[in-house]
Amino acid sequence: MITYTWSFPTLETKPSVEGLTDVVHVVHWRLRGEDADGVSFEDYGTVTMDPPDPENFTPFQDLTEADVLAWIAGEIDVDERKALVAAQIERKKNPPVVAKAAPWA
């Protein structure tokens, strides 16, 4: 079983958009997966956000990690990203190619 952890190290903001302040424009995300053996892999990317809906705007200081995760889940295929992380963990555990020194070296 793989445990997945999301993090959002940087939220790029625009100081002002149509009277709203500190509007998140780009979300930098990381998805880390770790299996029971401690083998891990981290995927990362960015999502450029659509302009905010003033009726449903959350002030920057009130944002939660769950809010931001919900935003990016609407923009990227979360299951696909998790599958990529799982595949990379499997590749680390069972590499398809192994470099070896020549036997005469």
C-alpha atoms as a PDB file:
ATOM      1  CA  MET A   1       0.000   0.000   0.000  1.00  0.00           C
ATOM      2  CA  ILE A   2       1.225   3.472  -0.856  1.00  0.00           C
ATOM      3  CA  THR A   3       0.610   6.489   1.344  1.00  0.00           C
ATOM      4  CA  TYR A   4       0.208   9.713  -0.618  1.00  0.00           C
ATOM      5  CA  THR A   5       0.895  13.189   0.733  1.00  0.00           C
ATOM      6  CA  TRP A   6       0.125  16.452  -1.046  1.00  0.00           C
ATOM      7  CA  SER A   7       2.004  19.664  -0.384  1.00  0.00           C
ATOM      8  CA  PHE A   8       1.790  23.129  -1.869  1.00  0.00           C
ATOM      9  CA  PRO A   9       5.136  24.852  -1.315  1.00  0.00           C
ATOM     10  CA  THR A  10       4.315  28.018  -3.255  1.00  0.00           C
ATOM     11  CA  LEU A  11       1.167  29.878  -4.174  1.00  0.00           C
ATOM     12  CA  GLU A  12       1.857  32.648  -6.678  1.00  0.00           C
ATOM     13  CA  THR A  13      -0.577  35.506  -6.231  1.00  0.00           C
ATOM     14  CA  LYS A  14      -1.640  38.600  -8.075  1.00  0.00           C
ATOM     15  CA  PRO A  15      -1.856  41.571  -5.703  1.00  0.00           C
ATOM     16  CA  SER A  16      -5.195  42.709  -7.121  1.00  0.00           C
ATOM     17  CA  VAL A  17      -7.743  41.325  -9.579  1.00  0.00           C
ATOM     18  CA  GLU A  18     -11.036  43.146 -10.095  1.00  0.00           C
ATOM     19  CA  GLY A  19     -11.066  44.484  -6.549  1.00  0.00           C
ATOM     20  CA  LEU A  20      -9.969  41.200  -4.949  1.00  0.00           C
ATOM     21  CA  THR A  21      -6.585  41.056  -3.220  1.00  0.00           C
ATOM     22  CA  ASP A  22      -3.905  38.358  -3.093  1.00  0.00           C
ATOM     23  CA  VAL A  23      -5.560  36.248  -5.768  1.00  0.00           C
ATOM     24  CA  VAL A  24      -3.907  32.863  -6.271  1.00  0.00           C
ATOM     25  CA  HIS A  25      -2.733  32.663  -9.861  1.00  0.00           C
ATOM     26  CA  VAL A  26      -0.399  29.625  -9.892  1.00  0.00           C
ATOM     27  CA  VAL A  27      -0.321  26.679  -7.496  1.00  0.00           C
ATOM     28  CA  HIS A  28       2.934  24.736  -7.177  1.00  0.00           C
ATOM     29  CA  TRP A  29       2.102  21.215  -6.013  1.00  0.00           C
ATOM     30  CA  ARG A  30       3.959  18.102  -4.930  1.00  0.00           C
ATOM     31  CA  LEU A  31       2.581  14.604  -4.551  1.00  0.00           C
ATOM     32  CA  ARG A  32       4.755  12.237  -2.528  1.00  0.00           C
ATOM     33  CA  GLY A  33       4.086   8.540  -2.341  1.00  0.00           C
ATOM     34  CA  GLU A  34       5.763   6.102   0.031  1.00  0.00           C
ATOM     35  CA  ASP A  35       5.189   2.376   0.244  1.00  0.00           C
ATOM     36  CA  ALA A  36       5.361   0.139   3.317  1.00  0.00           C
ATOM     37  CA  ASP A  37       9.061  -0.547   2.639  1.00  0.00           C
ATOM     38  CA  GLY A  38       9.909   3.160   2.747  1.00  0.00           C
ATOM     39  CA  VAL A  39      10.478   3.452  -1.004  1.00  0.00           C
ATOM     40  CA  SER A  40       9.236   6.834  -2.182  1.00  0.00           C
ATOM     41  CA  PHE A  41       8.831   9.040  -5.216  1.00  0.00           C
ATOM     42  CA  GLU A  42       7.690  12.632  -5.556  1.00  0.00           C
ATOM     43  CA  ASP A  43       5.857  14.129  -8.514  1.00  0.00           C
ATOM     44  CA  TYR A  44       5.457  17.868  -8.902  1.00  0.00           C
ATOM     45  CA  GLY A  45       3.920  20.456 -11.142  1.00  0.00           C
ATOM     46  CA  THR A  46       2.043  23.704 -11.384  1.00  0.00           C
ATOM     47  CA  VAL A  47      -1.528  24.655 -12.130  1.00  0.00           C
ATOM     48  CA  THR A  48      -2.460  28.059 -13.488  1.00  0.00           C
ATOM     49  CA  MET A  49      -5.777  29.034 -11.998  1.00  0.00           C
ATOM     50  CA  ASP A  50      -8.732  30.524 -13.824  1.00  0.00           C
ATOM     51  CA  PRO A  51      -9.769  34.023 -12.767  1.00  0.00           C
ATOM     52  CA  PRO A  52     -11.683  33.888  -9.482  1.00  0.00           C
ATOM     53  CA  ASP A  53     -15.428  34.070  -9.112  1.00  0.00           C
ATOM     54  CA  PRO A  54     -16.004  37.092  -6.846  1.00  0.00           C
ATOM     55  CA  GLU A  55     -19.116  35.390  -5.425  1.00  0.00           C
ATOM     56  CA  ASN A  56     -17.076  32.390  -4.202  1.00  0.00           C
ATOM     57  CA  PHE A  57     -13.733  34.033  -3.455  1.00  0.00           C
ATOM     58  CA  THR A  58     -11.833  32.886  -0.377  1.00  0.00           C
ATOM     59  CA  PRO A  59      -9.397  35.467   1.017  1.00  0.00           C
ATOM     60  CA  PHE A  60      -5.789  34.298   0.892  1.00  0.00           C
ATOM     61  CA  GLN A  61      -5.379  34.254   4.674  1.00  0.00           C
ATOM     62  CA  ASP A  62      -8.440  31.978   4.977  1.00  0.00           C
ATOM     63  CA  LEU A  63      -7.290  29.355   2.461  1.00  0.00           C
ATOM     64  CA  THR A  64      -6.756  25.817   3.678  1.00  0.00           C
ATOM     65  CA  GLU A  65      -4.768  22.972   2.206  1.00  0.00           C
ATOM     66  CA  ALA A  66      -8.088  21.242   1.477  1.00  0.00           C
ATOM     67  CA  ASP A  67      -9.253  24.282  -0.531  1.00  0.00           C
ATOM     68  CA  VAL A  68      -6.142  24.250  -2.691  1.00  0.00           C
ATOM     69  CA  LEU A  69      -6.268  20.477  -3.165  1.00  0.00           C
ATOM     70  CA  ALA A  70      -9.870  20.784  -4.343  1.00  0.00           C
ATOM     71  CA  TRP A  71      -8.800  23.448  -6.841  1.00  0.00           C
ATOM     72  CA  ILE A  72      -6.042  21.395  -8.395  1.00  0.00           C
ATOM     73  CA  ALA A  73      -8.133  18.214  -8.344  1.00  0.00           C
ATOM     74  CA  GLY A  74     -10.398  20.032 -10.772  1.00  0.00           C
ATOM     75  CA  GLU A  75      -7.455  20.799 -13.053  1.00  0.00           C
ATOM     76  CA  ILE A  76      -5.299  17.647 -13.038  1.00  0.00           C
ATOM     77  CA  ASP A  77      -6.137  13.960 -13.067  1.00  0.00           C
ATOM     78  CA  VAL A  78      -5.334  13.006  -9.463  1.00  0.00           C
ATOM     79  CA  ASP A  79      -5.697   9.263 -10.104  1.00  0.00           C
ATOM     80  CA  GLU A  80      -3.304   9.525 -13.046  1.00  0.00           C
ATOM     81  CA  ARG A  81      -0.722  11.354 -10.904  1.00  0.00           C
ATOM     82  CA  LYS A  82      -1.023   8.723  -8.162  1.00  0.00           C
ATOM     83  CA  ALA A  83      -0.609   5.962 -10.752  1.00  0.00           C
ATOM     84  CA  LEU A  84       2.540   7.681 -12.038  1.00  0.00           C
ATOM     85  CA  VAL A  85       3.968   7.862  -8.507  1.00  0.00           C
ATOM     86  CA  ALA A  86       3.103   4.197  -7.880  1.00  0.00           C
ATOM     87  CA  ALA A  87       4.754   3.167 -11.163  1.00  0.00           C
ATOM     88  CA  GLN A  88       7.933   5.064 -10.290  1.00  0.00           C
ATOM     89  CA  ILE A  89       8.077   3.426  -6.871  1.00  0.00           C
ATOM     90  CA  GLU A  90       7.727   0.042  -8.574  1.00  0.00           C
ATOM     91  CA  ARG A  91      10.541   0.967 -11.010  1.00  0.00           C
ATOM     92  CA  LYS A  92      12.782   1.829  -8.069  1.00  0.00           C
ATOM     93  CA  LYS A  93      12.049  -1.530  -6.476  1.00  0.00           C
ATOM     94  CA  ASN A  94      12.306  -3.516  -9.712  1.00  0.00           C
ATOM     95  CA  PRO A  95      14.358  -1.508 -12.206  1.00  0.00           C
ATOM     96  CA  PRO A  96      13.922  -2.589 -15.842  1.00  0.00           C
ATOM     97  CA  VAL A  97      17.615  -1.911 -16.531  1.00  0.00           C
ATOM     98  CA  VAL A  98      20.534  -2.304 -14.153  1.00  0.00           C
ATOM     99  CA  ALA A  99      23.972  -0.857 -14.906  1.00  0.00           C
ATOM    100  CA  LYS A 100      26.808  -3.214 -14.016  1.00  0.00           C
ATOM    101  CA  ALA A 101      30.556  -2.958 -14.300  1.00  0.00           C
ATOM    102  CA  ALA A 102      32.161  -5.219 -16.871  1.00  0.00           C
ATOM    103  CA  PRO A 103      33.167  -8.556 -15.296  1.00  0.00           C
ATOM    104  CA  TRP A 104      36.806  -8.069 -16.286  1.00  0.00           C
ATOM    105  CA  ALA A 105      37.074  -4.621 -14.712  1.00  0.00           C
END
